Amino acid sequence: MAETPEQLAARLRNLEQINQTMGLLLQQQLQNNNNNNNNNHADNDPQATMAKKLAALKPPLLLGKEDPLLVENWVRDFDKIFTAAGTPDAQKVDQATFYLRENADLWWERQGPILRNQENFGWDAFKLAIKGRFFPEHIRRKKYNEFSRFNQTGGMSVQEYAEKFNEYARLCPKCGT
């Protein structure tokens, strides 16, 4: 028995709806596969996983001013952050250099390739290099001279003296013992 034109039109509309639904389901499946691949890639990338872990700890930026306290604090903060996050030694330099800005970033852009070519270059060597650049010898000598002449003045409380002494001792570790 032959279908009427209305029945054929209804069947055709039904097939079009099924085809449209199948197309939407296929798109959703492809999108889900892409999302899973992206998530799996991030989960399988230890560097990316560690970067997220460190970012959650809100590490400080180092702008690259020749200020011994800034560079000392930045290095100490990263030592603590790396310990808290369980950062592998092999990732420490890469992770830390992401937080260099302005002059510090420009310095690393120029010196990084040279330093990385040194045998056994790692976090400890990086700390020495960055302190050498942003806590240069002339400032180190100046702080040493200030420390060697430092004494408690009449207007300085014992607490203020102790704080200033500790600051100098941090900047001149061989002198504060």
N, C-alpha and C. Protein backbone atom coordinates (compact mmCIF):
# COMPACT_ATOMS: atom_id res chain seq x y z
N MET A 1 0.83 -1.15 0.00
CA MET A 1 0.00 0.00 0.00
C MET A 1 0.89 1.23 0.00
N ALA A 2 0.61 2.14 -0.82
CA ALA A 2 1.41 3.35 -1.03
C ALA A 2 1.07 4.38 0.03
N GLU A 3 2.12 5.12 0.43
CA GLU A 3 1.92 6.17 1.43
C GLU A 3 1.41 7.42 0.73
N THR A 4 0.66 8.15 1.49
CA THR A 4 0.14 9.42 0.97
C THR A 4 1.26 10.45 1.06
N PRO A 5 1.16 11.54 0.31
CA PRO A 5 2.18 12.59 0.39
C PRO A 5 2.35 13.13 1.81
N GLU A 6 1.26 13.22 2.57
CA GLU A 6 1.36 13.70 3.95
C GLU A 6 2.16 12.74 4.82
N GLN A 7 1.92 11.45 4.61
CA GLN A 7 2.64 10.44 5.38
C GLN A 7 4.14 10.45 5.04
N LEU A 8 4.45 10.61 3.73
CA LEU A 8 5.85 10.69 3.31
C LEU A 8 6.53 11.93 3.90
N ALA A 9 5.82 13.04 3.91
CA ALA A 9 6.37 14.28 4.47
C ALA A 9 6.62 14.12 5.97
N ALA A 10 5.69 13.47 6.68
CA ALA A 10 5.84 13.24 8.11
C ALA A 10 7.04 12.33 8.38
N ARG A 11 7.18 11.27 7.57
CA ARG A 11 8.30 10.35 7.73
C ARG A 11 9.63 11.07 7.46
N LEU A 12 9.65 11.92 6.42
CA LEU A 12 10.84 12.67 6.08
C LEU A 12 11.23 13.63 7.21
N ARG A 13 10.23 14.32 7.80
CA ARG A 13 10.50 15.22 8.94
C ARG A 13 11.07 14.42 10.11
N ASN A 14 10.52 13.26 10.35
CA ASN A 14 10.98 12.40 11.44
C ASN A 14 12.44 11.98 11.20
N LEU A 15 12.77 11.59 9.97
CA LEU A 15 14.15 11.21 9.64
C LEU A 15 15.09 12.41 9.78
N GLU A 16 14.64 13.60 9.39
CA GLU A 16 15.47 14.80 9.53
C GLU A 16 15.74 15.11 11.00
N GLN A 17 14.71 14.91 11.85
CA GLN A 17 14.91 15.14 13.29
C GLN A 17 15.90 14.14 13.87
N ILE A 18 15.77 12.89 13.45
CA ILE A 18 16.69 11.86 13.92
C ILE A 18 18.11 12.20 13.46
N ASN A 19 18.26 12.61 12.21
CA ASN A 19 19.57 12.97 11.66
C ASN A 19 20.15 14.17 12.41
N GLN A 20 19.33 15.17 12.71
CA GLN A 20 19.79 16.34 13.44
C GLN A 20 20.22 15.96 14.86
N THR A 21 19.44 15.13 15.52
CA THR A 21 19.77 14.67 16.87
C THR A 21 21.08 13.89 16.86
N MET A 22 21.25 13.03 15.87
CA MET A 22 22.49 12.25 15.76
C MET A 22 23.69 13.18 15.55
N GLY A 23 23.51 14.21 14.74
CA GLY A 23 24.58 15.18 14.51
C GLY A 23 24.97 15.90 15.79
N LEU A 24 23.98 16.31 16.59
CA LEU A 24 24.25 16.98 17.86
C LEU A 24 24.96 16.04 18.83
N LEU A 25 24.50 14.80 18.89
CA LEU A 25 25.16 13.83 19.77
C LEU A 25 26.60 13.58 19.35
N LEU A 26 26.84 13.51 18.05
CA LEU A 26 28.19 13.31 17.55
C LEU A 26 29.08 14.51 17.91
N GLN A 27 28.55 15.73 17.76
CA GLN A 27 29.32 16.92 18.14
C GLN A 27 29.66 16.90 19.62
N GLN A 28 28.67 16.55 20.45
CA GLN A 28 28.92 16.49 21.89
C GLN A 28 29.98 15.45 22.22
N GLN A 29 29.92 14.32 21.56
CA GLN A 29 30.90 13.26 21.81
C GLN A 29 32.30 13.72 21.41
N LEU A 30 32.41 14.39 20.27
CA LEU A 30 33.71 14.91 19.84
C LEU A 30 34.23 15.95 20.82
N GLN A 31 33.34 16.82 21.29
CA GLN A 31 33.75 17.85 22.26
C GLN A 31 34.22 17.19 23.56
N ASN A 32 33.49 16.20 24.03
CA ASN A 32 33.89 15.49 25.25
C ASN A 32 35.25 14.81 25.07
N ASN A 33 35.47 14.21 23.91
CA ASN A 33 36.76 13.57 23.65
C ASN A 33 37.89 14.59 23.66
N ASN A 34 37.65 15.76 23.04
CA ASN A 34 38.67 16.81 23.03
C ASN A 34 38.95 17.30 24.44
N ASN A 35 37.90 17.50 25.24
CA ASN A 35 38.09 17.95 26.63
C ASN A 35 38.88 16.92 27.42
N ASN A 36 38.54 15.65 27.24
CA ASN A 36 39.26 14.60 27.96
C ASN A 36 40.71 14.54 27.53
N ASN A 37 40.97 14.71 26.23
CA ASN A 37 42.36 14.70 25.75
C ASN A 37 43.13 15.87 26.34
N ASN A 38 42.51 17.05 26.40
CA ASN A 38 43.18 18.21 26.97
C ASN A 38 43.45 18.01 28.45
N ASN A 39 42.46 17.49 29.17
CA ASN A 39 42.64 17.25 30.60
C ASN A 39 43.70 16.18 30.84
N ASN A 40 43.67 15.13 30.05
CA ASN A 40 44.66 14.07 30.22
C ASN A 40 46.05 14.58 29.91
N HIS A 41 46.17 15.46 28.92
CA HIS A 41 47.48 16.02 28.58
C HIS A 41 48.02 16.82 29.75
N ALA A 42 47.18 17.66 30.34
CA ALA A 42 47.63 18.47 31.48
C ALA A 42 47.99 17.57 32.66
N ASP A 43 47.18 16.52 32.88
CA ASP A 43 47.45 15.62 34.00
C ASP A 43 48.74 14.83 33.78
N ASN A 44 49.07 14.55 32.52
CA ASN A 44 50.26 13.78 32.22
C ASN A 44 51.51 14.64 32.10
N ASP A 45 51.37 15.95 32.19
CA ASP A 45 52.50 16.86 32.07
C ASP A 45 52.90 17.32 33.47
N PRO A 46 53.97 16.74 34.03
CA PRO A 46 54.34 17.08 35.40
C PRO A 46 54.72 18.56 35.56
N GLN A 47 55.28 19.16 34.51
CA GLN A 47 55.66 20.57 34.58
C GLN A 47 54.40 21.44 34.73
N ALA A 48 53.35 21.14 33.94
CA ALA A 48 52.10 21.90 34.02
C ALA A 48 51.40 21.67 35.35
N THR A 49 51.43 20.45 35.82
CA THR A 49 50.81 20.14 37.11
C THR A 49 51.51 20.90 38.23
N MET A 50 52.84 20.94 38.21
CA MET A 50 53.59 21.66 39.23
C MET A 50 53.34 23.17 39.12
N ALA A 51 53.25 23.68 37.89
CA ALA A 51 53.00 25.12 37.69
C ALA A 51 51.68 25.51 38.34
N LYS A 52 50.65 24.68 38.19
CA LYS A 52 49.35 24.96 38.82
C LYS A 52 49.48 24.92 40.34
N LYS A 53 50.21 23.95 40.83
CA LYS A 53 50.41 23.80 42.28
C LYS A 53 51.11 25.03 42.86
N LEU A 54 52.15 25.49 42.16
CA LEU A 54 52.90 26.65 42.63
C LEU A 54 52.07 27.92 42.53
N ALA A 55 51.33 28.08 41.45
CA ALA A 55 50.51 29.28 41.27
C ALA A 55 49.50 29.42 42.40
N ALA A 56 49.00 28.29 42.89
CA ALA A 56 48.04 28.31 43.99
C ALA A 56 48.67 28.86 45.27
N LEU A 57 49.99 28.77 45.38
CA LEU A 57 50.70 29.27 46.56
C LEU A 57 51.07 30.75 46.43
N LYS A 58 50.71 31.35 45.29
CA LYS A 58 50.92 32.78 45.03
C LYS A 58 52.37 33.23 45.23
N PRO A 59 53.27 32.70 44.42
CA PRO A 59 54.68 33.09 44.56
C PRO A 59 54.89 34.57 44.22
N PRO A 60 55.90 35.18 44.81
CA PRO A 60 56.17 36.59 44.53
C PRO A 60 56.86 36.75 43.17
N LEU A 61 56.76 37.95 42.64
CA LEU A 61 57.48 38.30 41.42
C LEU A 61 58.79 38.97 41.81
N LEU A 62 59.79 38.81 40.97
CA LEU A 62 61.04 39.54 41.15
C LEU A 62 61.20 40.45 39.95
N LEU A 63 61.23 41.77 40.21
CA LEU A 63 61.30 42.75 39.14
C LEU A 63 62.72 43.03 38.68
N GLY A 64 63.69 42.77 39.53
CA GLY A 64 65.07 42.95 39.13
C GLY A 64 65.67 44.29 39.51
N LYS A 65 65.27 44.78 40.66
CA LYS A 65 65.91 45.98 41.19
C LYS A 65 67.13 45.53 42.00
N GLU A 66 68.16 46.35 42.01
CA GLU A 66 69.36 46.01 42.78
C GLU A 66 69.09 46.31 44.25
N ASP A 67 68.28 45.48 44.84
CA ASP A 67 67.90 45.62 46.24
C ASP A 67 68.14 44.27 46.91
N PRO A 68 69.12 44.20 47.79
CA PRO A 68 69.47 42.91 48.38
C PRO A 68 68.33 42.26 49.13
N LEU A 69 67.51 43.05 49.83
CA LEU A 69 66.41 42.44 50.58
C LEU A 69 65.38 41.81 49.65
N LEU A 70 65.08 42.48 48.53
CA LEU A 70 64.10 41.93 47.60
C LEU A 70 64.56 40.59 47.03
N VAL A 71 65.81 40.52 46.58
CA VAL A 71 66.28 39.27 45.99
C VAL A 71 66.42 38.18 47.05
N GLU A 72 66.89 38.54 48.24
CA GLU A 72 67.01 37.56 49.32
C GLU A 72 65.63 37.01 49.71
N ASN A 73 64.66 37.90 49.84
CA ASN A 73 63.30 37.46 50.20
C ASN A 73 62.70 36.59 49.11
N TRP A 74 62.91 36.97 47.85
CA TRP A 74 62.36 36.21 46.73
C TRP A 74 62.92 34.78 46.74
N VAL A 75 64.23 34.66 46.91
CA VAL A 75 64.87 33.34 46.93
C VAL A 75 64.38 32.53 48.13
N ARG A 76 64.32 33.15 49.30
CA ARG A 76 63.84 32.43 50.50
C ARG A 76 62.40 31.98 50.32
N ASP A 77 61.55 32.87 49.76
CA ASP A 77 60.15 32.50 49.53
C ASP A 77 60.06 31.30 48.59
N PHE A 78 60.85 31.31 47.52
CA PHE A 78 60.79 30.18 46.59
C PHE A 78 61.34 28.90 47.21
N ASP A 79 62.36 29.01 48.04
CA ASP A 79 62.83 27.81 48.74
C ASP A 79 61.70 27.20 49.57
N LYS A 80 60.96 28.05 50.28
CA LYS A 80 59.84 27.55 51.10
C LYS A 80 58.72 27.00 50.23
N ILE A 81 58.39 27.70 49.15
CA ILE A 81 57.31 27.26 48.25
C ILE A 81 57.68 25.92 47.62
N PHE A 82 58.92 25.78 47.16
CA PHE A 82 59.34 24.53 46.55
C PHE A 82 59.27 23.38 47.55
N THR A 83 59.62 23.64 48.79
CA THR A 83 59.53 22.61 49.82
C THR A 83 58.07 22.23 50.05
N ALA A 84 57.22 23.24 50.20
CA ALA A 84 55.79 22.98 50.47
C ALA A 84 55.13 22.23 49.32
N ALA A 85 55.50 22.56 48.09
CA ALA A 85 54.87 21.94 46.92
C ALA A 85 55.53 20.63 46.52
N GLY A 86 56.68 20.32 47.11
CA GLY A 86 57.40 19.11 46.72
C GLY A 86 57.94 19.19 45.30
N THR A 87 58.44 20.35 44.94
CA THR A 87 58.94 20.57 43.58
C THR A 87 60.24 19.80 43.34
N PRO A 88 60.28 18.99 42.29
CA PRO A 88 61.52 18.27 41.98
C PRO A 88 62.63 19.25 41.60
N ASP A 89 63.86 18.92 41.96
CA ASP A 89 65.00 19.79 41.66
C ASP A 89 65.07 20.15 40.18
N ALA A 90 64.76 19.19 39.33
CA ALA A 90 64.86 19.41 37.88
C ALA A 90 63.90 20.47 37.37
N GLN A 91 62.85 20.80 38.13
CA GLN A 91 61.86 21.78 37.68
C GLN A 91 62.03 23.15 38.33
N LYS A 92 62.84 23.26 39.35
CA LYS A 92 62.89 24.49 40.15
C LYS A 92 63.26 25.72 39.35
N VAL A 93 64.29 25.64 38.52
CA VAL A 93 64.71 26.83 37.76
C VAL A 93 63.62 27.25 36.79
N ASP A 94 63.06 26.29 36.04
CA ASP A 94 62.00 26.63 35.09
C ASP A 94 60.80 27.25 35.78
N GLN A 95 60.42 26.68 36.91
CA GLN A 95 59.25 27.21 37.61
C GLN A 95 59.53 28.60 38.17
N ALA A 96 60.69 28.81 38.76
CA ALA A 96 61.01 30.11 39.37
C ALA A 96 61.15 31.21 38.33
N THR A 97 61.77 30.90 37.20
CA THR A 97 62.01 31.94 36.20
C THR A 97 60.72 32.45 35.58
N PHE A 98 59.64 31.70 35.71
CA PHE A 98 58.34 32.19 35.24
C PHE A 98 57.90 33.42 36.03
N TYR A 99 58.43 33.59 37.23
CA TYR A 99 58.04 34.69 38.11
C TYR A 99 59.05 35.84 38.09
N LEU A 100 59.89 35.88 37.06
CA LEU A 100 60.79 37.01 36.87
C LEU A 100 60.10 38.01 35.94
N ARG A 101 60.21 39.29 36.27
CA ARG A 101 59.61 40.34 35.45
C ARG A 101 60.63 41.45 35.24
N GLU A 102 60.35 42.30 34.29
CA GLU A 102 61.12 43.50 34.00
C GLU A 102 62.61 43.18 33.89
N ASN A 103 63.46 43.87 34.66
CA ASN A 103 64.91 43.67 34.53
C ASN A 103 65.34 42.24 34.84
N ALA A 104 64.67 41.62 35.78
CA ALA A 104 65.03 40.23 36.13
C ALA A 104 64.75 39.30 34.95
N ASP A 105 63.63 39.50 34.29
CA ASP A 105 63.28 38.68 33.14
C ASP A 105 64.24 38.93 31.98
N LEU A 106 64.57 40.20 31.75
CA LEU A 106 65.53 40.53 30.68
C LEU A 106 66.90 39.90 30.97
N TRP A 107 67.32 39.96 32.24
CA TRP A 107 68.58 39.33 32.63
C TRP A 107 68.54 37.84 32.31
N TRP A 108 67.46 37.17 32.70
CA TRP A 108 67.37 35.73 32.49
C TRP A 108 67.31 35.39 31.00
N GLU A 109 66.63 36.22 30.24
CA GLU A 109 66.55 35.99 28.79
C GLU A 109 67.95 35.97 28.17
N ARG A 110 68.81 36.86 28.64
CA ARG A 110 70.18 36.93 28.11
C ARG A 110 71.09 35.87 28.74
N GLN A 111 71.02 35.72 30.05
CA GLN A 111 71.97 34.86 30.76
C GLN A 111 71.51 33.41 30.88
N GLY A 112 70.21 33.18 30.81
CA GLY A 112 69.68 31.83 30.99
C GLY A 112 70.33 30.79 30.09
N PRO A 113 70.38 31.04 28.77
CA PRO A 113 71.01 30.03 27.90
C PRO A 113 72.47 29.77 28.24
N ILE A 114 73.18 30.81 28.64
CA ILE A 114 74.59 30.65 29.01
C ILE A 114 74.71 29.83 30.30
N LEU A 115 73.90 30.20 31.29
CA LEU A 115 73.96 29.51 32.58
C LEU A 115 73.53 28.05 32.46
N ARG A 116 72.50 27.79 31.65
CA ARG A 116 72.01 26.42 31.50
C ARG A 116 73.06 25.49 30.88
N ASN A 117 73.98 26.06 30.13
CA ASN A 117 75.04 25.24 29.52
C ASN A 117 76.13 24.84 30.49
N GLN A 118 76.11 25.43 31.68
CA GLN A 118 77.11 25.06 32.68
C GLN A 118 76.81 23.66 33.22
N GLU A 119 77.86 22.94 33.50
CA GLU A 119 77.69 21.60 34.04
C GLU A 119 77.02 21.67 35.41
N ASN A 120 76.07 20.80 35.64
CA ASN A 120 75.33 20.70 36.91
C ASN A 120 74.60 21.99 37.29
N PHE A 121 74.15 22.75 36.30
CA PHE A 121 73.40 23.96 36.61
C PHE A 121 72.03 23.55 37.16
N GLY A 122 71.70 24.10 38.31
CA GLY A 122 70.42 23.81 38.94
C GLY A 122 70.00 24.96 39.82
N TRP A 123 69.09 24.69 40.73
CA TRP A 123 68.52 25.72 41.58
C TRP A 123 69.59 26.44 42.42
N ASP A 124 70.51 25.71 43.01
CA ASP A 124 71.54 26.35 43.84
C ASP A 124 72.42 27.28 43.01
N ALA A 125 72.81 26.84 41.82
CA ALA A 125 73.62 27.70 40.94
C ALA A 125 72.81 28.90 40.46
N PHE A 126 71.52 28.69 40.21
CA PHE A 126 70.66 29.81 39.80
C PHE A 126 70.58 30.85 40.91
N LYS A 127 70.43 30.40 42.16
CA LYS A 127 70.35 31.34 43.28
C LYS A 127 71.62 32.17 43.39
N LEU A 128 72.76 31.54 43.22
CA LEU A 128 74.02 32.28 43.26
C LEU A 128 74.09 33.30 42.13
N ALA A 129 73.65 32.89 40.94
CA ALA A 129 73.71 33.79 39.79
C ALA A 129 72.78 34.98 39.95
N ILE A 130 71.57 34.74 40.40
CA ILE A 130 70.62 35.85 40.51
C ILE A 130 70.99 36.78 41.66
N LYS A 131 71.51 36.22 42.74
CA LYS A 131 71.99 37.08 43.83
C LYS A 131 73.20 37.89 43.37
N GLY A 132 74.07 37.27 42.59
CA GLY A 132 75.23 37.98 42.07
C GLY A 132 74.84 39.15 41.18
N ARG A 133 73.75 38.98 40.45
CA ARG A 133 73.31 40.06 39.55
C ARG A 133 72.55 41.16 40.30
N PHE A 134 71.65 40.79 41.19
CA PHE A 134 70.79 41.79 41.82
C PHE A 134 71.19 42.15 43.25
N PHE A 135 72.29 41.56 43.70
CA PHE A 135 72.93 41.96 44.95
C PHE A 135 74.42 42.03 44.62
N PRO A 136 74.78 42.99 43.76
CA PRO A 136 76.15 43.04 43.24
C PRO A 136 77.19 43.37 44.30
N GLU A 137 78.43 43.16 43.93
CA GLU A 137 79.54 43.29 44.87
C GLU A 137 79.62 44.68 45.50
N HIS A 138 79.37 45.74 44.74
CA HIS A 138 79.48 47.09 45.33
C HIS A 138 78.42 47.32 46.41
N ILE A 139 77.25 46.76 46.24
CA ILE A 139 76.21 46.88 47.27
C ILE A 139 76.56 45.97 48.45
N ARG A 140 77.11 44.80 48.14
CA ARG A 140 77.53 43.87 49.20
C ARG A 140 78.59 44.53 50.09
N ARG A 141 79.57 45.20 49.47
CA ARG A 141 80.61 45.90 50.24
C ARG A 141 80.01 47.02 51.07
N LYS A 142 79.07 47.76 50.47
CA LYS A 142 78.42 48.86 51.19
C LYS A 142 77.69 48.32 52.42
N LYS A 143 76.95 47.23 52.26
CA LYS A 143 76.22 46.65 53.39
C LYS A 143 77.19 46.11 54.45
N TYR A 144 78.30 45.53 54.00
CA TYR A 144 79.30 45.04 54.93
C TYR A 144 79.86 46.19 55.76
N ASN A 145 80.17 47.30 55.09
CA ASN A 145 80.70 48.47 55.80
C ASN A 145 79.67 49.04 56.78
N GLU A 146 78.41 49.10 56.36
CA GLU A 146 77.36 49.58 57.26
C GLU A 146 77.26 48.66 58.48
N PHE A 147 77.33 47.37 58.23
CA PHE A 147 77.20 46.40 59.31
C PHE A 147 78.38 46.50 60.27
N SER A 148 79.57 46.68 59.73
CA SER A 148 80.75 46.73 60.60
C SER A 148 80.76 47.99 61.48
N ARG A 149 80.07 49.04 61.04
CA ARG A 149 80.00 50.27 61.84
C ARG A 149 78.69 50.38 62.62
N PHE A 150 77.85 49.38 62.51
CA PHE A 150 76.51 49.45 63.10
C PHE A 150 76.58 49.32 64.62
N ASN A 151 75.89 50.23 65.31
CA ASN A 151 75.74 50.11 66.76
C ASN A 151 74.42 50.75 67.16
N GLN A 152 74.02 50.47 68.35
CA GLN A 152 72.74 50.98 68.83
C GLN A 152 72.89 52.45 69.18
N THR A 153 72.07 53.26 68.53
CA THR A 153 72.10 54.70 68.82
C THR A 153 71.12 55.01 69.93
N GLY A 154 71.22 56.20 70.46
CA GLY A 154 70.38 56.60 71.59
C GLY A 154 68.89 56.51 71.31
N GLY A 155 68.47 56.81 70.09
CA GLY A 155 67.04 56.80 69.78
C GLY A 155 66.51 55.46 69.32
N MET A 156 67.35 54.44 69.34
CA MET A 156 66.95 53.12 68.83
C MET A 156 66.66 52.17 69.98
N SER A 157 65.46 51.58 69.94
CA SER A 157 65.11 50.61 70.98
C SER A 157 65.89 49.31 70.75
N VAL A 158 65.89 48.47 71.75
CA VAL A 158 66.56 47.17 71.63
C VAL A 158 65.90 46.36 70.51
N GLN A 159 64.57 46.43 70.43
CA GLN A 159 63.83 45.71 69.39
C GLN A 159 64.24 46.22 67.99
N GLU A 160 64.30 47.54 67.82
CA GLU A 160 64.70 48.11 66.53
C GLU A 160 66.13 47.71 66.18
N TYR A 161 67.00 47.73 67.19
CA TYR A 161 68.40 47.34 66.99
C TYR A 161 68.47 45.87 66.55
N ALA A 162 67.73 45.01 67.21
CA ALA A 162 67.74 43.58 66.89
C ALA A 162 67.23 43.35 65.46
N GLU A 163 66.17 44.06 65.07
CA GLU A 163 65.64 43.91 63.72
C GLU A 163 66.66 44.35 62.67
N LYS A 164 67.29 45.49 62.89
CA LYS A 164 68.29 45.99 61.95
C LYS A 164 69.50 45.06 61.92
N PHE A 165 69.91 44.57 63.09
CA PHE A 165 71.03 43.63 63.15
C PHE A 165 70.71 42.38 62.33
N ASN A 166 69.50 41.84 62.49
CA ASN A 166 69.11 40.64 61.75
C ASN A 166 69.08 40.90 60.24
N GLU A 167 68.64 42.09 59.86
CA GLU A 167 68.64 42.45 58.44
C GLU A 167 70.07 42.44 57.89
N TYR A 168 70.98 43.10 58.60
CA TYR A 168 72.38 43.10 58.17
C TYR A 168 72.95 41.68 58.16
N ALA A 169 72.63 40.91 59.17
CA ALA A 169 73.16 39.55 59.26
C ALA A 169 72.68 38.70 58.08
N ARG A 170 71.45 38.92 57.63
CA ARG A 170 70.95 38.20 56.45
C ARG A 170 71.72 38.58 55.20
N LEU A 171 72.08 39.85 55.11
CA LEU A 171 72.75 40.33 53.91
C LEU A 171 74.25 40.09 53.93
N CYS A 172 74.76 39.81 55.09
CA CYS A 172 76.19 39.56 55.24
C CYS A 172 76.36 38.36 56.16
N PRO A 173 76.00 37.16 55.68
CA PRO A 173 75.96 35.98 56.55
C PRO A 173 77.27 35.67 57.27
N LYS A 174 78.40 35.98 56.65
CA LYS A 174 79.69 35.67 57.29
C LYS A 174 79.98 36.62 58.43
N CYS A 175 79.28 37.77 58.46
CA CYS A 175 79.55 38.78 59.49
C CYS A 175 78.66 38.62 60.71
N GLY A 176 77.50 38.02 60.55
CA GLY A 176 76.51 38.01 61.63
C GLY A 176 76.66 36.87 62.61
N THR A 177 77.73 36.13 62.53
CA THR A 177 77.87 34.98 63.44
C THR A 177 78.78 35.29 64.59
